N, C-alpha and C. Protein backbone atom coordinates (compact mmCIF):
# COMPACT_ATOMS: atom_id res chain seq x y z
N MET A 1 -79.09 -38.09 -41.73
CA MET A 1 -78.12 -39.35 -41.57
C MET A 1 -77.06 -39.22 -41.94
N ASP A 2 -75.93 -39.68 -40.96
CA ASP A 2 -74.56 -39.78 -41.42
C ASP A 2 -74.37 -40.88 -42.29
N LYS A 3 -74.92 -42.17 -41.70
CA LYS A 3 -74.95 -43.26 -42.53
C LYS A 3 -75.75 -43.50 -43.76
N GLU A 4 -75.73 -44.39 -44.85
CA GLU A 4 -76.47 -44.91 -45.54
C GLU A 4 -77.69 -44.87 -45.33
N THR A 5 -78.67 -44.09 -45.80
CA THR A 5 -80.09 -44.41 -45.45
C THR A 5 -80.78 -45.39 -46.33
N LEU A 6 -81.22 -46.52 -45.50
CA LEU A 6 -82.12 -47.47 -46.25
C LEU A 6 -83.57 -46.82 -45.82
N VAL A 7 -84.36 -47.26 -47.16
CA VAL A 7 -85.57 -47.12 -47.65
C VAL A 7 -86.54 -48.17 -47.70
N ALA A 8 -87.66 -48.09 -47.22
CA ALA A 8 -88.73 -49.05 -47.46
C ALA A 8 -89.67 -48.27 -48.09
N LEU A 9 -90.32 -48.85 -49.26
CA LEU A 9 -91.57 -47.98 -49.87
C LEU A 9 -92.88 -48.79 -49.76
N TYR A 10 -93.80 -48.17 -49.42
CA TYR A 10 -95.12 -48.77 -49.16
C TYR A 10 -96.06 -48.02 -50.04
N ALA A 11 -96.70 -49.08 -50.92
CA ALA A 11 -97.58 -48.56 -51.99
C ALA A 11 -98.84 -49.44 -52.05
N ARG A 12 -99.81 -49.02 -52.06
CA ARG A 12 -101.35 -49.49 -52.08
C ARG A 12 -102.26 -49.03 -53.02
N VAL A 13 -103.04 -50.00 -53.44
CA VAL A 13 -103.99 -49.66 -54.59
C VAL A 13 -105.28 -50.51 -53.99
N SER A 14 -106.52 -50.00 -54.42
CA SER A 14 -107.75 -50.74 -53.78
C SER A 14 -108.12 -51.48 -54.79
N THR A 15 -108.34 -52.68 -54.83
CA THR A 15 -108.85 -53.64 -56.03
C THR A 15 -110.61 -53.46 -56.13
N LEU A 16 -110.76 -52.71 -55.20
CA LEU A 16 -112.61 -51.98 -55.26
C LEU A 16 -112.41 -50.98 -56.45
N THR A 17 -111.47 -50.22 -56.53
CA THR A 17 -111.57 -49.06 -57.50
C THR A 17 -110.53 -49.58 -59.06
N ARG A 18 -111.43 -49.40 -59.97
CA ARG A 18 -110.67 -49.43 -61.44
C ARG A 18 -110.01 -48.32 -61.80
N GLY A 19 -108.97 -48.77 -62.53
CA GLY A 19 -107.83 -47.95 -63.13
C GLY A 19 -106.87 -47.15 -62.62
N GLN A 20 -106.55 -48.01 -61.24
CA GLN A 20 -105.66 -47.98 -60.29
C GLN A 20 -104.44 -48.92 -60.65
N ASP A 21 -103.01 -48.23 -60.73
CA ASP A 21 -101.97 -49.02 -61.01
C ASP A 21 -100.92 -48.57 -59.92
N VAL A 22 -100.61 -49.47 -59.18
CA VAL A 22 -99.45 -49.38 -58.49
C VAL A 22 -98.03 -48.39 -58.58
N GLU A 23 -97.70 -48.86 -59.77
CA GLU A 23 -96.78 -48.73 -60.49
C GLU A 23 -96.48 -47.29 -60.51
N ASN A 24 -97.67 -46.48 -60.62
CA ASN A 24 -97.87 -44.96 -60.74
C ASN A 24 -97.14 -44.39 -59.46
N GLN A 25 -97.51 -44.97 -58.38
CA GLN A 25 -97.15 -44.63 -57.15
C GLN A 25 -95.47 -44.78 -57.01
N LEU A 26 -94.97 -46.08 -57.28
CA LEU A 26 -93.79 -46.73 -57.07
C LEU A 26 -92.79 -45.60 -58.06
N ALA A 27 -93.02 -45.34 -59.27
CA ALA A 27 -92.28 -44.40 -59.89
C ALA A 27 -92.06 -43.42 -59.76
N GLN A 28 -92.85 -42.63 -58.88
CA GLN A 28 -92.69 -41.28 -58.35
C GLN A 28 -91.92 -41.53 -57.01
N LEU A 29 -92.03 -42.81 -56.15
CA LEU A 29 -91.41 -42.84 -54.97
C LEU A 29 -89.83 -43.31 -55.27
N ARG A 30 -89.68 -43.85 -56.01
CA ARG A 30 -88.29 -44.55 -56.36
C ARG A 30 -87.56 -43.26 -57.18
N GLU A 31 -88.23 -42.18 -57.78
CA GLU A 31 -87.41 -41.29 -58.30
C GLU A 31 -87.12 -40.16 -56.88
N PHE A 32 -87.91 -40.16 -56.07
CA PHE A 32 -87.93 -39.19 -54.91
C PHE A 32 -86.46 -39.78 -54.05
N VAL A 33 -86.59 -40.99 -53.69
CA VAL A 33 -85.48 -41.61 -52.89
C VAL A 33 -84.20 -41.61 -53.78
N ALA A 34 -84.30 -41.69 -54.81
CA ALA A 34 -83.02 -41.66 -55.91
C ALA A 34 -82.48 -40.05 -55.44
N LYS A 35 -83.63 -39.12 -55.73
CA LYS A 35 -82.84 -37.93 -55.50
C LYS A 35 -82.26 -37.41 -54.39
N MET A 36 -82.69 -38.22 -53.12
CA MET A 36 -82.34 -37.83 -51.88
C MET A 36 -80.96 -38.65 -51.76
N GLY A 37 -80.73 -39.58 -52.69
CA GLY A 37 -79.40 -40.45 -52.12
C GLY A 37 -79.70 -41.24 -51.60
N TRP A 38 -80.61 -41.65 -51.14
CA TRP A 38 -80.98 -42.89 -50.10
C TRP A 38 -80.94 -43.96 -51.03
N ARG A 39 -81.02 -45.28 -50.45
CA ARG A 39 -81.19 -46.40 -50.91
C ARG A 39 -82.33 -47.27 -50.84
N ILE A 40 -82.94 -47.97 -51.82
CA ILE A 40 -84.33 -48.92 -51.36
C ILE A 40 -84.11 -50.15 -50.84
N THR A 41 -84.36 -50.77 -49.85
CA THR A 41 -84.01 -52.08 -49.57
C THR A 41 -85.11 -52.88 -49.62
N ARG A 42 -86.54 -52.50 -49.84
CA ARG A 42 -87.56 -53.41 -50.13
C ARG A 42 -88.87 -52.33 -50.43
N GLU A 43 -89.37 -52.84 -51.37
CA GLU A 43 -91.14 -52.50 -51.74
C GLU A 43 -92.12 -53.30 -50.92
N TYR A 44 -92.85 -52.40 -50.71
CA TYR A 44 -94.05 -53.48 -49.58
C TYR A 44 -95.28 -52.93 -50.58
N ILE A 45 -95.97 -53.60 -51.32
CA ILE A 45 -97.13 -53.53 -52.12
C ILE A 45 -98.34 -54.39 -51.67
N ASP A 46 -99.43 -53.60 -51.45
CA ASP A 46 -100.73 -54.04 -50.91
C ASP A 46 -101.85 -53.75 -52.25
N ARG A 47 -102.70 -54.80 -52.61
CA ARG A 47 -103.66 -54.55 -53.30
C ARG A 47 -105.22 -54.92 -52.88
N VAL A 48 -105.56 -54.11 -51.72
CA VAL A 48 -106.46 -54.22 -51.03
C VAL A 48 -107.09 -53.02 -50.21
N SER A 49 -107.96 -53.00 -49.90
CA SER A 49 -108.64 -51.51 -49.14
C SER A 49 -108.05 -51.41 -48.25
N GLY A 50 -107.74 -50.14 -47.97
CA GLY A 50 -106.66 -49.26 -46.73
C GLY A 50 -107.55 -49.41 -45.56
N ALA A 51 -108.78 -49.82 -45.57
CA ALA A 51 -109.48 -49.87 -44.43
C ALA A 51 -109.17 -50.97 -43.80
N LYS A 52 -108.49 -51.98 -44.00
CA LYS A 52 -108.17 -53.24 -43.60
C LYS A 52 -106.96 -53.25 -42.79
N ARG A 53 -106.90 -53.60 -41.70
CA ARG A 53 -105.83 -53.73 -41.04
C ARG A 53 -104.69 -54.91 -41.42
N ASP A 54 -105.40 -55.82 -41.60
CA ASP A 54 -104.70 -57.37 -41.94
C ASP A 54 -103.96 -57.33 -43.02
N ARG A 55 -103.59 -56.04 -43.85
CA ARG A 55 -103.15 -56.29 -45.35
C ARG A 55 -101.92 -57.19 -44.93
N GLU A 56 -101.28 -57.96 -46.12
CA GLU A 56 -100.27 -58.64 -45.89
C GLU A 56 -98.87 -57.85 -45.92
N ALA A 57 -98.78 -56.97 -46.66
CA ALA A 57 -97.48 -56.45 -46.91
C ALA A 57 -97.36 -55.40 -45.66
N PHE A 58 -98.60 -54.45 -45.45
CA PHE A 58 -98.35 -53.89 -44.29
C PHE A 58 -97.83 -54.50 -42.86
N GLN A 59 -98.61 -55.71 -42.92
CA GLN A 59 -98.02 -56.19 -41.61
C GLN A 59 -96.54 -56.65 -41.64
N GLN A 60 -96.16 -57.15 -42.98
CA GLN A 60 -94.55 -57.22 -42.91
C GLN A 60 -93.61 -56.31 -42.77
N LEU A 61 -94.26 -54.95 -42.97
CA LEU A 61 -93.66 -53.65 -43.25
C LEU A 61 -93.09 -53.56 -41.64
N PHE A 62 -94.28 -53.79 -40.70
CA PHE A 62 -94.02 -53.48 -39.44
C PHE A 62 -93.52 -54.42 -38.81
N GLU A 63 -93.35 -55.71 -38.95
CA GLU A 63 -92.49 -56.79 -38.60
C GLU A 63 -90.98 -56.36 -38.81
N ASP A 64 -90.73 -55.90 -40.19
CA ASP A 64 -89.46 -55.78 -40.43
C ASP A 64 -88.91 -54.45 -39.86
N ALA A 65 -89.91 -53.33 -40.00
CA ALA A 65 -89.37 -52.17 -39.19
C ALA A 65 -89.24 -52.39 -37.60
N SER A 66 -89.83 -53.39 -36.77
CA SER A 66 -89.59 -53.71 -35.61
C SER A 66 -88.12 -54.10 -35.40
N GLN A 67 -87.63 -54.44 -36.76
CA GLN A 67 -86.08 -55.39 -36.57
C GLN A 67 -84.87 -54.50 -37.28
N ARG A 68 -85.44 -53.36 -37.37
CA ARG A 68 -85.01 -52.04 -37.82
C ARG A 68 -83.97 -52.21 -39.21
N LYS A 69 -84.66 -52.89 -40.10
CA LYS A 69 -84.27 -53.75 -41.42
C LYS A 69 -83.95 -52.35 -42.48
N PHE A 70 -84.53 -51.27 -42.00
CA PHE A 70 -84.41 -49.75 -42.85
C PHE A 70 -84.76 -48.79 -41.80
N ASP A 71 -84.34 -47.49 -42.19
CA ASP A 71 -84.53 -46.39 -41.77
C ASP A 71 -85.50 -45.30 -41.86
N VAL A 72 -86.12 -45.42 -42.98
CA VAL A 72 -87.48 -44.66 -43.44
C VAL A 72 -88.22 -45.48 -44.09
N VAL A 73 -89.56 -45.06 -43.94
CA VAL A 73 -90.65 -45.63 -44.59
C VAL A 73 -91.19 -44.48 -45.37
N VAL A 74 -91.41 -44.66 -46.80
CA VAL A 74 -91.81 -43.78 -47.65
C VAL A 74 -93.17 -44.24 -48.34
N PHE A 75 -94.28 -43.45 -48.41
CA PHE A 75 -95.39 -43.84 -48.84
C PHE A 75 -96.04 -42.52 -49.62
N TRP A 76 -96.78 -42.80 -50.61
CA TRP A 76 -97.12 -41.73 -51.66
C TRP A 76 -97.84 -40.69 -50.87
N SER A 77 -98.71 -40.92 -50.10
CA SER A 77 -99.80 -40.28 -49.33
C SER A 77 -100.46 -41.04 -48.14
N LEU A 78 -101.04 -40.26 -47.08
CA LEU A 78 -101.49 -40.68 -45.80
C LEU A 78 -102.78 -41.83 -46.21
N ASP A 79 -103.50 -41.50 -46.93
CA ASP A 79 -104.66 -42.29 -47.45
C ASP A 79 -104.05 -43.52 -48.00
N ARG A 80 -103.01 -43.71 -49.00
CA ARG A 80 -102.39 -44.86 -49.62
C ARG A 80 -101.84 -45.66 -48.26
N PHE A 81 -101.23 -44.94 -47.35
CA PHE A 81 -100.64 -45.78 -46.11
C PHE A 81 -101.71 -46.47 -45.43
N SER A 82 -102.86 -45.65 -45.00
CA SER A 82 -103.88 -46.52 -44.23
C SER A 82 -105.11 -45.36 -44.44
N ARG A 83 -106.43 -45.99 -44.10
CA ARG A 83 -107.65 -45.42 -44.27
C ARG A 83 -108.43 -46.10 -43.46
N GLU A 84 -107.90 -46.50 -42.00
CA GLU A 84 -108.42 -47.00 -41.09
C GLU A 84 -109.25 -46.12 -40.16
N GLY A 85 -108.81 -44.89 -40.30
CA GLY A 85 -109.51 -43.97 -39.58
C GLY A 85 -108.15 -43.02 -38.89
N THR A 86 -108.93 -42.06 -38.43
CA THR A 86 -107.47 -41.04 -37.80
C THR A 86 -106.68 -41.58 -36.78
N LEU A 87 -107.43 -42.03 -35.64
CA LEU A 87 -106.77 -42.48 -34.39
C LEU A 87 -105.86 -43.77 -34.98
N ALA A 88 -106.18 -44.48 -35.58
CA ALA A 88 -105.42 -46.01 -36.02
C ALA A 88 -104.38 -45.45 -36.98
N THR A 89 -104.72 -44.47 -37.71
CA THR A 89 -103.32 -44.29 -38.61
C THR A 89 -102.37 -43.55 -38.08
N LEU A 90 -102.61 -42.72 -36.86
CA LEU A 90 -101.60 -41.94 -36.07
C LEU A 90 -100.75 -42.94 -35.29
N GLN A 91 -101.42 -43.97 -34.95
CA GLN A 91 -100.90 -45.17 -33.97
C GLN A 91 -99.85 -45.74 -34.86
N HIS A 92 -100.13 -46.28 -35.96
CA HIS A 92 -99.15 -46.90 -36.97
C HIS A 92 -98.16 -45.84 -37.07
N LEU A 93 -98.29 -44.61 -37.34
CA LEU A 93 -97.06 -43.67 -37.41
C LEU A 93 -96.25 -43.70 -36.11
N GLN A 94 -97.02 -43.63 -35.01
CA GLN A 94 -96.30 -43.61 -33.69
C GLN A 94 -95.62 -44.94 -33.52
N LYS A 95 -96.17 -45.91 -33.92
CA LYS A 95 -95.50 -47.44 -33.74
C LYS A 95 -94.11 -47.30 -34.61
N LEU A 96 -94.07 -46.92 -35.61
CA LEU A 96 -92.73 -46.64 -36.75
C LEU A 96 -91.77 -45.83 -35.92
N THR A 97 -92.34 -44.54 -35.47
CA THR A 97 -91.45 -43.89 -34.52
C THR A 97 -90.44 -44.60 -33.30
N SER A 98 -91.66 -45.47 -32.57
CA SER A 98 -90.99 -45.86 -31.58
C SER A 98 -90.17 -47.19 -31.67
N TYR A 99 -90.06 -47.39 -33.04
CA TYR A 99 -89.25 -48.56 -33.80
C TYR A 99 -87.71 -47.63 -34.03
N GLY A 100 -87.70 -46.61 -34.12
CA GLY A 100 -86.51 -45.83 -34.38
C GLY A 100 -86.68 -45.76 -36.00
N VAL A 101 -87.78 -45.89 -36.62
CA VAL A 101 -87.89 -45.61 -37.99
C VAL A 101 -88.83 -44.52 -38.04
N ALA A 102 -88.08 -43.72 -39.15
CA ALA A 102 -88.80 -42.61 -39.79
C ALA A 102 -89.74 -42.62 -40.83
N TRP A 103 -90.66 -41.70 -41.11
CA TRP A 103 -91.52 -41.97 -42.14
C TRP A 103 -91.79 -40.44 -43.01
N ARG A 104 -92.21 -40.80 -44.26
CA ARG A 104 -92.39 -39.50 -44.70
C ARG A 104 -93.52 -40.03 -46.16
N SER A 105 -94.36 -38.74 -45.94
CA SER A 105 -95.60 -39.05 -47.01
C SER A 105 -94.81 -38.00 -48.49
N PHE A 106 -94.85 -38.70 -49.72
CA PHE A 106 -94.53 -38.24 -50.78
C PHE A 106 -95.17 -36.87 -51.14
N THR A 107 -96.29 -36.79 -51.19
CA THR A 107 -97.49 -35.85 -51.52
C THR A 107 -97.69 -34.88 -50.41
N GLU A 108 -97.36 -35.01 -49.11
CA GLU A 108 -97.60 -34.08 -47.97
C GLU A 108 -96.35 -33.97 -47.23
N SER A 109 -95.72 -33.16 -47.67
CA SER A 109 -94.53 -32.79 -47.27
C SER A 109 -94.41 -32.27 -45.70
N TYR A 110 -95.34 -31.94 -45.19
CA TYR A 110 -95.35 -31.59 -43.64
C TYR A 110 -95.53 -32.81 -42.82
N LEU A 111 -95.98 -33.95 -43.52
CA LEU A 111 -96.11 -35.23 -42.80
C LEU A 111 -94.37 -35.98 -43.11
N ASP A 112 -93.64 -35.38 -42.31
CA ASP A 112 -92.13 -35.96 -42.48
C ASP A 112 -91.52 -35.89 -41.07
N SER A 113 -91.20 -37.13 -40.42
CA SER A 113 -90.72 -37.37 -39.30
C SER A 113 -89.09 -36.76 -39.23
N LEU A 114 -88.59 -36.73 -40.40
CA LEU A 114 -87.21 -36.40 -40.44
C LEU A 114 -86.81 -34.91 -40.78
N GLY A 115 -88.23 -33.91 -41.17
CA GLY A 115 -88.04 -32.70 -41.46
C GLY A 115 -87.90 -31.95 -40.39
N PRO A 116 -87.62 -30.34 -40.58
CA PRO A 116 -87.15 -29.61 -39.59
C PRO A 116 -88.01 -29.33 -38.14
N PHE A 117 -89.22 -29.68 -38.61
CA PHE A 117 -90.58 -29.52 -37.63
C PHE A 117 -90.77 -31.17 -36.98
N ALA A 118 -89.89 -31.76 -37.03
CA ALA A 118 -90.19 -33.24 -36.62
C ALA A 118 -90.77 -33.40 -35.46
N ASP A 119 -90.54 -32.62 -34.34
CA ASP A 119 -90.85 -32.88 -33.07
C ASP A 119 -92.24 -32.11 -32.83
N VAL A 120 -92.43 -31.17 -33.44
CA VAL A 120 -93.82 -30.55 -33.56
C VAL A 120 -94.70 -31.49 -34.23
N VAL A 121 -94.44 -32.02 -35.36
CA VAL A 121 -95.31 -33.23 -36.00
C VAL A 121 -95.50 -34.33 -35.11
N VAL A 122 -94.40 -35.01 -34.63
CA VAL A 122 -94.92 -36.16 -33.57
C VAL A 122 -95.58 -35.90 -32.41
N SER A 123 -95.41 -34.66 -31.94
CA SER A 123 -96.07 -34.24 -30.49
C SER A 123 -97.64 -33.77 -31.22
N LEU A 124 -97.67 -32.91 -32.19
CA LEU A 124 -98.99 -32.98 -32.76
C LEU A 124 -100.12 -34.22 -32.92
N LEU A 125 -99.36 -35.13 -33.59
CA LEU A 125 -100.02 -36.46 -33.69
C LEU A 125 -100.28 -37.02 -32.56
N ALA A 126 -99.59 -37.02 -31.62
CA ALA A 126 -99.78 -37.75 -30.01
C ALA A 126 -101.06 -36.80 -29.35
N THR A 127 -100.98 -35.69 -29.74
CA THR A 127 -102.42 -34.79 -29.10
C THR A 127 -103.35 -35.14 -29.77
N ILE A 128 -103.34 -35.49 -30.94
CA ILE A 128 -104.58 -35.65 -31.58
C ILE A 128 -105.04 -36.93 -31.66
N ALA A 129 -103.92 -37.76 -31.17
CA ALA A 129 -104.66 -39.26 -30.85
C ALA A 129 -105.27 -39.72 -29.62
N LYS A 130 -104.34 -38.44 -28.59
CA LYS A 130 -105.11 -38.66 -27.39
C LYS A 130 -106.68 -37.99 -27.28
N GLN A 131 -106.76 -36.97 -28.01
CA GLN A 131 -108.08 -36.51 -28.18
C GLN A 131 -109.30 -37.66 -28.78
N GLU A 132 -108.78 -38.13 -29.91
CA GLU A 132 -109.51 -39.06 -30.35
C GLU A 132 -109.71 -40.38 -29.33
N ARG A 133 -108.80 -40.72 -28.89
CA ARG A 133 -109.22 -41.69 -27.53
C ARG A 133 -110.25 -41.27 -26.67
N ILE A 134 -110.08 -40.04 -26.39
CA ILE A 134 -111.07 -39.58 -25.27
C ILE A 134 -112.42 -39.54 -25.84
N ARG A 135 -112.50 -38.81 -27.16
CA ARG A 135 -113.79 -38.86 -27.87
C ARG A 135 -114.40 -40.46 -27.94
N ILE A 136 -113.45 -41.26 -28.10
CA ILE A 136 -114.03 -42.64 -28.25
C ILE A 136 -114.77 -42.95 -26.97
N ARG A 137 -113.98 -42.67 -25.93
CA ARG A 137 -114.37 -43.50 -24.75
C ARG A 137 -115.66 -42.68 -24.16
N GLU A 138 -115.85 -41.09 -24.74
CA GLU A 138 -116.88 -40.49 -24.35
C GLU A 138 -118.48 -41.05 -25.23
N ARG A 139 -117.80 -41.05 -26.45
CA ARG A 139 -119.10 -41.82 -27.20
C ARG A 139 -119.91 -43.34 -26.77
N VAL A 140 -118.57 -44.27 -26.61
CA VAL A 140 -119.00 -45.32 -25.64
C VAL A 140 -119.99 -45.30 -24.47
N ALA A 141 -119.49 -44.24 -23.67
CA ALA A 141 -120.05 -44.16 -22.16
C ALA A 141 -121.32 -43.69 -22.48
N ALA A 142 -121.70 -42.75 -23.44
CA ALA A 142 -122.70 -42.15 -23.84
C ALA A 142 -123.61 -43.32 -24.38
N GLY A 143 -123.37 -43.86 -25.15
CA GLY A 143 -123.96 -45.11 -25.73
C GLY A 143 -124.71 -46.18 -24.85
N LEU A 144 -123.70 -46.19 -24.12
CA LEU A 144 -123.98 -47.17 -22.70
C LEU A 144 -125.08 -46.50 -21.71
N GLN A 145 -124.94 -45.30 -21.66
CA GLN A 145 -126.02 -44.84 -20.72
C GLN A 145 -127.10 -44.68 -21.47
N ARG A 146 -127.30 -44.57 -22.89
CA ARG A 146 -128.73 -44.50 -23.55
C ARG A 146 -129.25 -45.77 -23.60
N ALA A 147 -128.60 -46.75 -23.76
CA ALA A 147 -128.98 -48.23 -23.70
C ALA A 147 -129.76 -48.66 -22.53
N ALA A 148 -128.64 -48.43 -21.60
CA ALA A 148 -129.53 -48.55 -20.45
C ALA A 148 -130.47 -48.00 -19.73
N ALA A 149 -130.83 -46.74 -20.32
CA ALA A 149 -131.77 -46.11 -19.77
C ALA A 149 -133.19 -46.74 -20.50
N LYS A 150 -132.91 -47.29 -21.74
CA LYS A 150 -133.95 -48.13 -22.24
C LYS A 150 -134.10 -49.67 -21.79
N GLY A 151 -133.18 -49.98 -21.17
CA GLY A 151 -133.21 -51.24 -20.52
C GLY A 151 -132.68 -52.33 -21.69
N ARG A 152 -131.70 -51.64 -22.40
CA ARG A 152 -130.90 -52.54 -23.54
C ARG A 152 -129.51 -52.62 -22.92
N PHE A 153 -128.84 -53.84 -22.97
CA PHE A 153 -127.45 -53.85 -22.72
C PHE A 153 -126.85 -54.20 -23.90
N PRO A 154 -126.17 -53.34 -24.45
CA PRO A 154 -125.42 -53.96 -25.94
C PRO A 154 -124.09 -54.66 -25.36
N GLY A 155 -123.60 -55.49 -26.32
CA GLY A 155 -122.48 -56.64 -26.12
C GLY A 155 -122.85 -57.47 -26.72
N ARG A 156 -122.17 -58.47 -25.50
CA ARG A 156 -122.55 -60.25 -25.68
C ARG A 156 -123.96 -60.76 -25.68
N PRO A 157 -124.56 -61.56 -26.41
CA PRO A 157 -125.85 -62.10 -25.78
C PRO A 157 -126.01 -62.10 -24.64
N PRO A 158 -127.45 -62.11 -24.22
CA PRO A 158 -127.56 -62.29 -22.75
C PRO A 158 -127.07 -63.49 -22.46
N LEU A 159 -126.57 -63.40 -20.94
CA LEU A 159 -126.40 -64.83 -20.37
C LEU A 159 -127.86 -65.53 -20.01
N LYS A 160 -127.86 -66.97 -20.02
CA LYS A 160 -128.61 -67.75 -19.52
C LYS A 160 -128.34 -67.92 -17.97
N CYS A 161 -128.59 -67.00 -17.17
CA CYS A 161 -128.24 -67.03 -15.80
C CYS A 161 -129.43 -66.32 -14.92
N ASP A 162 -129.22 -66.56 -13.71
CA ASP A 162 -130.38 -65.80 -12.58
C ASP A 162 -129.48 -64.66 -12.23
N ARG A 163 -129.99 -63.56 -12.79
CA ARG A 163 -129.55 -62.22 -12.50
C ARG A 163 -129.75 -61.80 -11.16
N GLU A 164 -131.12 -62.16 -11.00
CA GLU A 164 -131.39 -61.69 -9.42
C GLU A 164 -130.84 -62.22 -8.54
N LYS A 165 -130.55 -63.56 -8.41
CA LYS A 165 -129.51 -64.25 -7.37
C LYS A 165 -128.16 -63.62 -7.63
N ILE A 166 -127.67 -63.28 -8.70
CA ILE A 166 -126.17 -62.70 -8.92
C ILE A 166 -126.40 -61.41 -8.03
N LEU A 167 -127.45 -60.71 -8.34
CA LEU A 167 -127.47 -59.51 -7.42
C LEU A 167 -127.57 -59.52 -6.14
N ALA A 168 -128.49 -60.50 -5.39
CA ALA A 168 -128.98 -60.75 -3.98
C ALA A 168 -127.37 -61.32 -3.51
N LEU A 169 -126.53 -62.04 -4.35
CA LEU A 169 -125.42 -62.72 -3.56
C LEU A 169 -124.40 -61.31 -3.40
N ARG A 170 -124.23 -60.52 -4.35
CA ARG A 170 -123.41 -59.35 -4.45
C ARG A 170 -123.79 -58.45 -3.23
N ALA A 171 -125.08 -58.05 -2.94
CA ALA A 171 -125.63 -57.40 -1.89
C ALA A 171 -125.36 -58.19 -0.32
N THR A 172 -124.82 -59.45 -0.59
CA THR A 172 -124.48 -59.88 0.83
C THR A 172 -123.04 -59.97 1.08
N GLY A 173 -122.45 -59.26 -0.02
CA GLY A 173 -120.90 -58.89 0.36
C GLY A 173 -120.20 -59.85 -0.41
N ALA A 174 -120.61 -60.97 -1.21
CA ALA A 174 -119.77 -61.90 -1.99
C ALA A 174 -119.23 -61.02 -3.04
N SER A 175 -117.90 -61.69 -3.60
CA SER A 175 -116.98 -61.18 -4.16
C SER A 175 -117.67 -61.64 -5.56
N PHE A 176 -116.93 -61.01 -6.79
CA PHE A 176 -117.18 -61.47 -8.10
C PHE A 176 -116.58 -62.92 -8.27
N GLY A 177 -115.80 -63.06 -7.51
CA GLY A 177 -115.31 -64.32 -8.04
C GLY A 177 -115.93 -65.56 -6.95
N GLN A 178 -116.52 -65.15 -5.98
CA GLN A 178 -117.35 -66.11 -5.22
C GLN A 178 -118.28 -66.59 -5.99
N ILE A 179 -119.25 -65.45 -6.61
CA ILE A 179 -120.55 -65.47 -7.15
C ILE A 179 -120.28 -66.27 -8.26
N ALA A 180 -119.31 -66.01 -9.14
CA ALA A 180 -118.85 -66.64 -10.55
C ALA A 180 -118.68 -68.08 -10.05
N SER A 181 -117.97 -68.68 -8.92
CA SER A 181 -117.74 -70.02 -8.75
C SER A 181 -118.96 -70.68 -8.39
N GLN A 182 -119.68 -70.00 -7.66
CA GLN A 182 -121.01 -70.52 -7.44
C GLN A 182 -122.12 -70.66 -8.50
N MET A 183 -122.14 -69.73 -9.40
CA MET A 183 -123.17 -69.70 -10.50
C MET A 183 -122.62 -70.16 -11.74
N ASN A 184 -121.29 -70.69 -11.58
CA ASN A 184 -120.51 -71.71 -12.85
C ASN A 184 -120.62 -70.46 -14.04
N LEU A 185 -120.06 -69.24 -13.54
CA LEU A 185 -119.92 -68.21 -14.72
C LEU A 185 -118.42 -67.73 -14.67
N ALA A 186 -118.23 -66.85 -15.70
CA ALA A 186 -117.01 -66.11 -15.76
C ALA A 186 -116.97 -64.97 -14.98
N LYS A 187 -115.85 -64.55 -14.22
CA LYS A 187 -115.91 -63.64 -13.23
C LYS A 187 -116.26 -62.17 -13.78
N ALA A 188 -115.84 -62.23 -15.17
CA ALA A 188 -116.15 -61.04 -16.16
C ALA A 188 -117.60 -60.88 -16.24
N SER A 189 -118.18 -62.06 -16.62
CA SER A 189 -119.80 -61.90 -16.75
C SER A 189 -120.22 -61.30 -15.42
N VAL A 190 -119.87 -61.83 -14.60
CA VAL A 190 -120.75 -61.26 -13.09
C VAL A 190 -120.56 -60.06 -12.98
N ALA A 191 -119.24 -59.44 -13.27
CA ALA A 191 -119.14 -58.03 -12.77
C ALA A 191 -119.80 -57.36 -13.90
N ARG A 192 -119.84 -57.46 -14.95
CA ARG A 192 -120.71 -56.93 -16.19
C ARG A 192 -122.10 -56.79 -15.87
N ILE A 193 -122.72 -57.92 -15.37
CA ILE A 193 -124.13 -58.07 -14.85
C ILE A 193 -124.34 -57.02 -13.73
N CYS A 194 -123.44 -57.02 -12.73
CA CYS A 194 -123.52 -55.93 -11.56
C CYS A 194 -123.31 -54.45 -12.10
N ALA A 195 -122.59 -54.15 -12.77
CA ALA A 195 -122.25 -53.11 -13.57
C ALA A 195 -123.31 -52.30 -14.31
N GLN A 196 -124.09 -53.13 -15.14
CA GLN A 196 -125.44 -53.01 -15.74
C GLN A 196 -126.27 -52.67 -14.86
N SER A 197 -126.62 -53.46 -13.91
CA SER A 197 -127.61 -53.23 -12.90
C SER A 197 -127.22 -51.96 -12.05
N ALA A 198 -126.32 -51.53 -11.84
CA ALA A 198 -125.77 -50.15 -11.02
C ALA A 198 -126.31 -48.99 -11.80
N GLN A 199 -126.05 -49.29 -13.26
CA GLN A 199 -126.24 -48.15 -14.28
C GLN A 199 -127.55 -47.90 -14.39
N VAL A 200 -128.40 -49.00 -14.45
CA VAL A 200 -129.99 -48.67 -14.49
C VAL A 200 -130.46 -48.27 -13.24
N SER A 201 -130.09 -48.31 -12.18
CA SER A 201 -130.44 -47.89 -10.84
C SER A 201 -130.10 -46.48 -10.74
N GLN A 202 -129.15 -45.96 -11.52
CA GLN A 202 -128.68 -44.59 -11.38
C GLN A 202 -129.82 -43.71 -11.39
C-alpha cells in the first residue's frame, strides 16, 4: 500500500477457559504491526466464546470496516477470529474483502489477503464456502426426506388447521393466496403444508 496503512487488531479470549489473557495476543500483534510500519487505529477485544456471532467488539469491527475506518484487520489466529464453523468464518472474511478491507492471521501466514497469493486465497475461500453451502442444502434435503418418510414434519409446531380442506382446495386449482385468505392462514403456511403433502406422496 502506498499510503499509510491503518490497522485494526482483533483479539478474543473465551471466558469459559481459565488461564487466558488477551494481552498475550495483543502484545504479539502490536509488535508485528510495528515491524510492518503500519499504524494501529483501534483494538477490538471480546471476552466470550468465538462460536457466538453477536460478539460486541466483533460486530463493531464489521460496522467500522464497512465505513473503511482502517485498511487491514490483523488477528492472532483464525480460531481467535471466529469459531462459528467453516462456512460462517469464511463468509466473515469475504465480507471484509467486499468492504475493501484486507485481513491477515498472525500465526497462519498463508491466511493473508495482502500476500503474493491473495487472489488464490480468496478464490479458494469462495470455493470452500460454495461447497459448504451445497453440503448444507443436501443435508437439509436428506433430513426432510427422512422425516417425511416417517410422517414427521420438522420445523414449527403443527398448525391447528384443516389440512385435508387445504389440500382439497389446492386440488381444485386455488392459489396459495386464495387458500390462505379463506382459511385465515399465512400464505407461507399453506405452501409448506402442500409441499409436505407432496413429499409424502412421492
